[in-house]
């Protein structure tokens, strides 16, 4: 899937990704990866912005290049 073992552990812990255990190691099945990708494309895991991004959007600005000095 192109994600680290730590990320896979977090996704598994959150219930976003199901894995099978073979000899003590977690493996992602193709069906599970396809289901995860479908849910991600549908925006199921989307979260609201936090911190500076939330403040920028609340003030009517955009989250990209806000407050940066151009060189």
PDB file of N, CA and C in Angstrom:
ATOM      1  N   UNK A   1       0.815  -1.195   0.000  1.00  0.00           N
ATOM      2  CA  UNK A   1       0.000   0.000   0.000  1.00  0.00           C
ATOM      3  C   UNK A   1       0.854   1.253   0.000  1.00  0.00           C
ATOM      4  N   UNK A   2       2.118   1.148   0.318  1.00  0.00           N
ATOM      5  CA  UNK A   2       2.964   2.322   0.325  1.00  0.00           C
ATOM      6  C   UNK A   2       2.884   3.131   1.603  1.00  0.00           C
ATOM      7  N   UNK A   3       2.529   2.496   2.721  1.00  0.00           N
ATOM      8  CA  UNK A   3       2.497   3.187   4.007  1.00  0.00           C
ATOM      9  C   UNK A   3       3.437   2.468   4.967  1.00  0.00           C
ATOM     10  N   UNK A   4       3.883   3.188   5.989  1.00  0.00           N
ATOM     11  CA  UNK A   4       4.813   2.596   6.938  1.00  0.00           C
ATOM     12  C   UNK A   4       4.084   1.622   7.869  1.00  0.00           C
ATOM     13  N   UNK A   5       4.864   0.834   8.575  1.00  0.00           N
ATOM     14  CA  UNK A   5       4.288  -0.116   9.529  1.00  0.00           C
ATOM     15  C   UNK A   5       3.563   0.616  10.652  1.00  0.00           C
ATOM     16  N   UNK A   6       4.108   1.770  11.063  1.00  0.00           N
ATOM     17  CA  UNK A   6       3.472   2.558  12.129  1.00  0.00           C
ATOM     18  C   UNK A   6       2.116   3.086  11.684  1.00  0.00           C
ATOM     19  N   UNK A   7       2.048   3.576  10.447  1.00  0.00           N
ATOM     20  CA  UNK A   7       0.783   4.085   9.917  1.00  0.00           C
ATOM     21  C   UNK A   7      -0.231   2.960   9.794  1.00  0.00           C
ATOM     22  N   UNK A   8       0.219   1.800   9.335  1.00  0.00           N
ATOM     23  CA  UNK A   8      -0.674   0.659   9.233  1.00  0.00           C
ATOM     24  C   UNK A   8      -1.209   0.276  10.610  1.00  0.00           C
ATOM     25  N   UNK A   9      -0.357   0.323  11.628  1.00  0.00           N
ATOM     26  CA  UNK A   9      -0.797   0.014  12.983  1.00  0.00           C
ATOM     27  C   UNK A   9      -1.867   1.004  13.440  1.00  0.00           C
ATOM     28  N   UNK A  10      -1.649   2.311  13.176  1.00  0.00           N
ATOM     29  CA  UNK A  10      -2.629   3.323  13.581  1.00  0.00           C
ATOM     30  C   UNK A  10      -3.958   3.126  12.846  1.00  0.00           C
ATOM     31  N   UNK A  11      -3.901   2.886  11.542  1.00  0.00           N
ATOM     32  CA  UNK A  11      -5.131   2.673  10.772  1.00  0.00           C
ATOM     33  C   UNK A  11      -5.860   1.433  11.264  1.00  0.00           C
ATOM     34  N   UNK A  12      -5.107   0.388  11.584  1.00  0.00           N
ATOM     35  CA  UNK A  12      -5.720  -0.837  12.097  1.00  0.00           C
ATOM     36  C   UNK A  12      -6.362  -0.580  13.458  1.00  0.00           C
ATOM     37  N   UNK A  13      -5.677   0.156  14.314  1.00  0.00           N
ATOM     38  CA  UNK A  13      -6.188   0.462  15.645  1.00  0.00           C
ATOM     39  C   UNK A  13      -7.472   1.294  15.572  1.00  0.00           C
ATOM     40  N   UNK A  14      -7.540   2.213  14.591  1.00  0.00           N
ATOM     41  CA  UNK A  14      -8.731   3.048  14.405  1.00  0.00           C
ATOM     42  C   UNK A  14      -9.875   2.311  13.728  1.00  0.00           C
ATOM     43  N   UNK A  15      -9.592   1.116  13.205  1.00  0.00           N
ATOM     44  CA  UNK A  15     -10.617   0.335  12.524  1.00  0.00           C
ATOM     45  C   UNK A  15     -10.772   0.703  11.062  1.00  0.00           C
ATOM     46  N   UNK A  16      -9.852   1.475  10.519  1.00  0.00           N
ATOM     47  CA  UNK A  16      -9.917   1.906   9.118  1.00  0.00           C
ATOM     48  C   UNK A  16      -9.402   0.837   8.175  1.00  0.00           C
ATOM     49  N   UNK A  17      -8.572  -0.061   8.673  1.00  0.00           N
ATOM     50  CA  UNK A  17      -7.912  -1.051   7.830  1.00  0.00           C
ATOM     51  C   UNK A  17      -7.961  -2.395   8.535  1.00  0.00           C
ATOM     52  N   UNK A  18      -8.391  -3.422   7.818  1.00  0.00           N
ATOM     53  CA  UNK A  18      -8.394  -4.755   8.426  1.00  0.00           C
ATOM     54  C   UNK A  18      -7.210  -5.544   7.877  1.00  0.00           C
ATOM     55  N   UNK A  19      -6.590  -6.302   8.741  1.00  0.00           N
ATOM     56  CA  UNK A  19      -5.411  -7.079   8.377  1.00  0.00           C
ATOM     57  C   UNK A  19      -5.605  -8.518   8.827  1.00  0.00           C
ATOM     58  N   UNK A  20      -4.803  -9.404   8.256  1.00  0.00           N
ATOM     59  CA  UNK A  20      -4.782 -10.788   8.720  1.00  0.00           C
ATOM     60  C   UNK A  20      -3.406 -11.037   9.339  1.00  0.00           C
ATOM     61  N   UNK A  21      -3.369 -11.915  10.307  1.00  0.00           N
ATOM     62  CA  UNK A  21      -2.139 -12.207  11.025  1.00  0.00           C
ATOM     63  C   UNK A  21      -1.583 -13.536  10.530  1.00  0.00           C
ATOM     64  N   UNK A  22      -0.387 -13.487   9.965  1.00  0.00           N
ATOM     65  CA  UNK A  22       0.290 -14.701   9.510  1.00  0.00           C
ATOM     66  C   UNK A  22       1.645 -14.744  10.205  1.00  0.00           C
ATOM     67  N   UNK A  23       1.837 -15.749  11.036  1.00  0.00           N
ATOM     68  CA  UNK A  23       3.090 -15.932  11.774  1.00  0.00           C
ATOM     69  C   UNK A  23       3.474 -14.689  12.571  1.00  0.00           C
ATOM     70  N   UNK A  24       2.491 -14.053  13.175  1.00  0.00           N
ATOM     71  CA  UNK A  24       2.762 -12.912  14.037  1.00  0.00           C
ATOM     72  C   UNK A  24       2.970 -11.589  13.314  1.00  0.00           C
ATOM     73  N   UNK A  25       2.802 -11.570  12.005  1.00  0.00           N
ATOM     74  CA  UNK A  25       2.979 -10.328  11.240  1.00  0.00           C
ATOM     75  C   UNK A  25       1.669  -9.951  10.561  1.00  0.00           C
ATOM     76  N   UNK A  26       1.303  -8.664  10.613  1.00  0.00           N
ATOM     77  CA  UNK A  26       0.053  -8.256   9.962  1.00  0.00           C
ATOM     78  C   UNK A  26       0.240  -8.091   8.455  1.00  0.00           C
ATOM     79  N   UNK A  27      -0.708  -8.595   7.697  1.00  0.00           N
ATOM     80  CA  UNK A  27      -0.703  -8.465   6.244  1.00  0.00           C
ATOM     81  C   UNK A  27      -2.039  -7.892   5.798  1.00  0.00           C
ATOM     82  N   UNK A  28      -1.976  -6.979   4.836  1.00  0.00           N
ATOM     83  CA  UNK A  28      -3.175  -6.375   4.283  1.00  0.00           C
ATOM     84  C   UNK A  28      -3.578  -7.167   3.043  1.00  0.00           C
ATOM     85  N   UNK A  29      -4.814  -7.616   3.004  1.00  0.00           N
ATOM     86  CA  UNK A  29      -5.292  -8.343   1.831  1.00  0.00           C
ATOM     87  C   UNK A  29      -5.651  -7.345   0.723  1.00  0.00           C
ATOM     88  N   UNK A  30      -5.623  -7.773  -0.531  1.00  0.00           N
ATOM     89  CA  UNK A  30      -6.015  -6.871  -1.622  1.00  0.00           C
ATOM     90  C   UNK A  30      -7.446  -6.349  -1.465  1.00  0.00           C
ATOM     91  N   UNK A  31      -8.331  -7.186  -0.944  1.00  0.00           N
ATOM     92  CA  UNK A  31      -9.716  -6.760  -0.734  1.00  0.00           C
ATOM     93  C   UNK A  31      -9.787  -5.659   0.316  1.00  0.00           C
ATOM     94  N   UNK A  32      -9.015  -5.802   1.390  1.00  0.00           N
ATOM     95  CA  UNK A  32      -8.991  -4.797   2.442  1.00  0.00           C
ATOM     96  C   UNK A  32      -8.403  -3.486   1.932  1.00  0.00           C
ATOM     97  N   UNK A  33      -7.352  -3.560   1.126  1.00  0.00           N
ATOM     98  CA  UNK A  33      -6.743  -2.360   0.559  1.00  0.00           C
ATOM     99  C   UNK A  33      -7.718  -1.653  -0.375  1.00  0.00           C
ATOM    100  N   UNK A  34      -8.449  -2.422  -1.185  1.00  0.00           N
ATOM    101  CA  UNK A  34      -9.427  -1.833  -2.101  1.00  0.00           C
ATOM    102  C   UNK A  34     -10.557  -1.155  -1.332  1.00  0.00           C
ATOM    103  N   UNK A  35     -11.018  -1.792  -0.266  1.00  0.00           N
ATOM    104  CA  UNK A  35     -12.072  -1.211   0.567  1.00  0.00           C
ATOM    105  C   UNK A  35     -11.587   0.084   1.226  1.00  0.00           C
ATOM    106  N   UNK A  36     -10.360   0.072   1.736  1.00  0.00           N
ATOM    107  CA  UNK A  36      -9.793   1.271   2.351  1.00  0.00           C
ATOM    108  C   UNK A  36      -9.696   2.405   1.329  1.00  0.00           C
ATOM    109  N   UNK A  37      -9.199   2.113   0.131  1.00  0.00           N
ATOM    110  CA  UNK A  37      -9.074   3.133  -0.909  1.00  0.00           C
ATOM    111  C   UNK A  37     -10.434   3.678  -1.333  1.00  0.00           C
ATOM    112  N   UNK A  38     -11.442   2.813  -1.399  1.00  0.00           N
ATOM    113  CA  UNK A  38     -12.790   3.259  -1.751  1.00  0.00           C
ATOM    114  C   UNK A  38     -13.332   4.211  -0.699  1.00  0.00           C
ATOM    115  N   UNK A  39     -13.153   3.836   0.579  1.00  0.00           N
ATOM    116  CA  UNK A  39     -13.637   4.682   1.671  1.00  0.00           C
ATOM    117  C   UNK A  39     -12.882   6.005   1.731  1.00  0.00           C
ATOM    118  N   UNK A  40     -11.581   5.974   1.469  1.00  0.00           N
ATOM    119  CA  UNK A  40     -10.784   7.206   1.485  1.00  0.00           C
ATOM    120  C   UNK A  40     -11.204   8.128   0.340  1.00  0.00           C
ATOM    121  N   UNK A  41     -11.457   7.571  -0.842  1.00  0.00           N
ATOM    122  CA  UNK A  41     -11.886   8.384  -1.980  1.00  0.00           C
ATOM    123  C   UNK A  41     -13.258   9.002  -1.739  1.00  0.00           C
ATOM    124  N   UNK A  42     -14.091   8.327  -0.955  1.00  0.00           N
ATOM    125  CA  UNK A  42     -15.417   8.849  -0.639  1.00  0.00           C
ATOM    126  C   UNK A  42     -15.361   9.929   0.441  1.00  0.00           C
ATOM    127  N   UNK A  43     -14.184  10.145   1.036  1.00  0.00           N
ATOM    128  CA  UNK A  43     -14.034  11.178   2.054  1.00  0.00           C
ATOM    129  C   UNK A  43     -14.444  10.752   3.446  1.00  0.00           C
ATOM    130  N   UNK A  44     -14.498   9.459   3.677  1.00  0.00           N
ATOM    131  CA  UNK A  44     -14.960   8.956   4.972  1.00  0.00           C
ATOM    132  C   UNK A  44     -14.000   9.302   6.116  1.00  0.00           C
ATOM    133  N   UNK A  45     -12.728   9.477   5.830  1.00  0.00           N
ATOM    134  CA  UNK A  45     -11.741   9.729   6.876  1.00  0.00           C
ATOM    135  C   UNK A  45     -11.380  11.212   6.993  1.00  0.00           C
ATOM    136  N   UNK A  46     -12.089  12.062   6.269  1.00  0.00           N
ATOM    137  CA  UNK A  46     -11.800  13.490   6.230  1.00  0.00           C
ATOM    138  C   UNK A  46     -12.051  14.133   7.593  1.00  0.00           C
ATOM    139  N   UNK A  47     -11.157  15.029   7.989  1.00  0.00           N
ATOM    140  CA  UNK A  47     -11.285  15.740   9.255  1.00  0.00           C
ATOM    141  C   UNK A  47     -11.273  17.236   8.995  1.00  0.00           C
ATOM    142  N   UNK A  48     -11.830  17.977   9.918  1.00  0.00           N
ATOM    143  CA  UNK A  48     -11.794  19.435   9.829  1.00  0.00           C
ATOM    144  C   UNK A  48     -10.380  19.916  10.149  1.00  0.00           C
ATOM    145  N   UNK A  49      -9.949  21.045   9.572  1.00  0.00           N
ATOM    146  CA  UNK A  49      -8.604  21.552   9.865  1.00  0.00           C
ATOM    147  C   UNK A  49      -8.488  22.027  11.310  1.00  0.00           C
ATOM    148  N   UNK A  50      -7.270  21.962  11.844  1.00  0.00           N
ATOM    149  CA  UNK A  50      -7.001  22.404  13.214  1.00  0.00           C
ATOM    150  C   UNK A  50      -5.868  23.403  13.210  1.00  0.00           C
ATOM    151  N   UNK A  51      -5.724  24.147  14.284  1.00  0.00           N
ATOM    152  CA  UNK A  51      -4.592  25.048  14.454  1.00  0.00           C
ATOM    153  C   UNK A  51      -4.630  26.234  13.511  1.00  0.00           C
ATOM    154  N   UNK A  52      -3.471  26.529  12.916  1.00  0.00           N
ATOM    155  CA  UNK A  52      -3.334  27.705  12.069  1.00  0.00           C
ATOM    156  C   UNK A  52      -4.208  27.608  10.826  1.00  0.00           C
ATOM    157  N   UNK A  53      -4.371  26.420  10.259  1.00  0.00           N
ATOM    158  CA  UNK A  53      -5.202  26.260   9.064  1.00  0.00           C
ATOM    159  C   UNK A  53      -6.654  26.610   9.376  1.00  0.00           C
ATOM    160  N   UNK A  54      -7.128  26.222  10.551  1.00  0.00           N
ATOM    161  CA  UNK A  54      -8.503  26.528  10.933  1.00  0.00           C
ATOM    162  C   UNK A  54      -8.683  28.030  11.107  1.00  0.00           C
ATOM    163  N   UNK A  55      -7.708  28.701  11.717  1.00  0.00           N
ATOM    164  CA  UNK A  55      -7.791  30.145  11.931  1.00  0.00           C
ATOM    165  C   UNK A  55      -7.756  30.888  10.604  1.00  0.00           C
ATOM    166  N   UNK A  56      -6.932  30.424   9.674  1.00  0.00           N
ATOM    167  CA  UNK A  56      -6.833  31.070   8.368  1.00  0.00           C
ATOM    168  C   UNK A  56      -8.143  30.951   7.614  1.00  0.00           C
ATOM    169  N   UNK A  57      -8.735  29.761   7.614  1.00  0.00           N
ATOM    170  CA  UNK A  57      -9.993  29.552   6.908  1.00  0.00           C
ATOM    171  C   UNK A  57     -11.133  30.319   7.572  1.00  0.00           C
ATOM    172  N   UNK A  58     -11.106  30.433   8.912  1.00  0.00           N
ATOM    173  CA  UNK A  58     -12.152  31.157   9.632  1.00  0.00           C
ATOM    174  C   UNK A  58     -12.111  32.651   9.326  1.00  0.00           C
ATOM    175  N   UNK A  59     -10.917  33.185   9.020  1.00  0.00           N
ATOM    176  CA  UNK A  59     -10.795  34.617   8.740  1.00  0.00           C
ATOM    177  C   UNK A  59     -11.099  34.938   7.284  1.00  0.00           C
ATOM    178  N   UNK A  60     -11.471  33.943   6.498  1.00  0.00           N
ATOM    179  CA  UNK A  60     -11.845  34.169   5.114  1.00  0.00           C
ATOM    180  C   UNK A  60     -10.722  33.976   4.125  1.00  0.00           C
ATOM    181  N   UNK A  61      -9.539  33.618   4.584  1.00  0.00           N
ATOM    182  CA  UNK A  61      -8.406  33.394   3.693  1.00  0.00           C
ATOM    183  C   UNK A  61      -8.370  31.969   3.187  1.00  0.00           C
ATOM    184  N   UNK A  62      -7.358  31.686   2.414  1.00  0.00           N
ATOM    185  CA  UNK A  62      -7.155  30.319   1.948  1.00  0.00           C
ATOM    186  C   UNK A  62      -6.003  29.712   2.722  1.00  0.00           C
ATOM    187  N   UNK A  63      -5.957  28.405   2.769  1.00  0.00           N
ATOM    188  CA  UNK A  63      -4.952  27.710   3.566  1.00  0.00           C
ATOM    189  C   UNK A  63      -3.599  27.633   2.864  1.00  0.00           C
ATOM    190  N   UNK A  64      -3.506  28.006   1.593  1.00  0.00           N
ATOM    191  CA  UNK A  64      -2.241  27.884   0.874  1.00  0.00           C
ATOM    192  C   UNK A  64      -1.560  29.234   0.763  1.00  0.00           C
ATOM    193  N   UNK A  65      -0.279  29.245   1.067  1.00  0.00           N
ATOM    194  CA  UNK A  65       0.578  30.436   0.961  1.00  0.00           C
ATOM    195  C   UNK A  65       0.069  31.638   1.735  1.00  0.00           C
ATOM    196  N   UNK A  66      -0.680  31.422   2.767  1.00  0.00           N
ATOM    197  CA  UNK A  66      -1.213  32.529   3.557  1.00  0.00           C
ATOM    198  C   UNK A  66      -0.144  33.051   4.498  1.00  0.00           C
ATOM    199  N   UNK A  67       0.178  34.294   4.390  1.00  0.00           N
ATOM    200  CA  UNK A  67       1.136  34.916   5.294  1.00  0.00           C
ATOM    201  C   UNK A  67       2.578  34.658   4.955  1.00  0.00           C
ATOM    202  N   UNK A  68       2.877  34.040   3.830  1.00  0.00           N
ATOM    203  CA  UNK A  68       4.260  33.778   3.453  1.00  0.00           C
ATOM    204  C   UNK A  68       4.799  34.929   2.627  1.00  0.00           C
ATOM    205  N   UNK A  69       6.064  35.192   2.804  1.00  0.00           N
ATOM    206  CA  UNK A  69       6.722  36.248   2.049  1.00  0.00           C
ATOM    207  C   UNK A  69       7.302  35.638   0.780  1.00  0.00           C
ATOM    208  N   UNK A  70       6.985  36.247  -0.354  1.00  0.00           N
ATOM    209  CA  UNK A  70       7.524  35.752  -1.620  1.00  0.00           C
ATOM    210  C   UNK A  70       8.952  36.245  -1.791  1.00  0.00           C
ATOM    211  N   UNK A  71       9.817  35.353  -2.246  1.00  0.00           N
ATOM    212  CA  UNK A  71      11.231  35.711  -2.422  1.00  0.00           C
ATOM    213  C   UNK A  71      11.478  36.282  -3.791  1.00  0.00           C
TER     214      UNK A  71
END
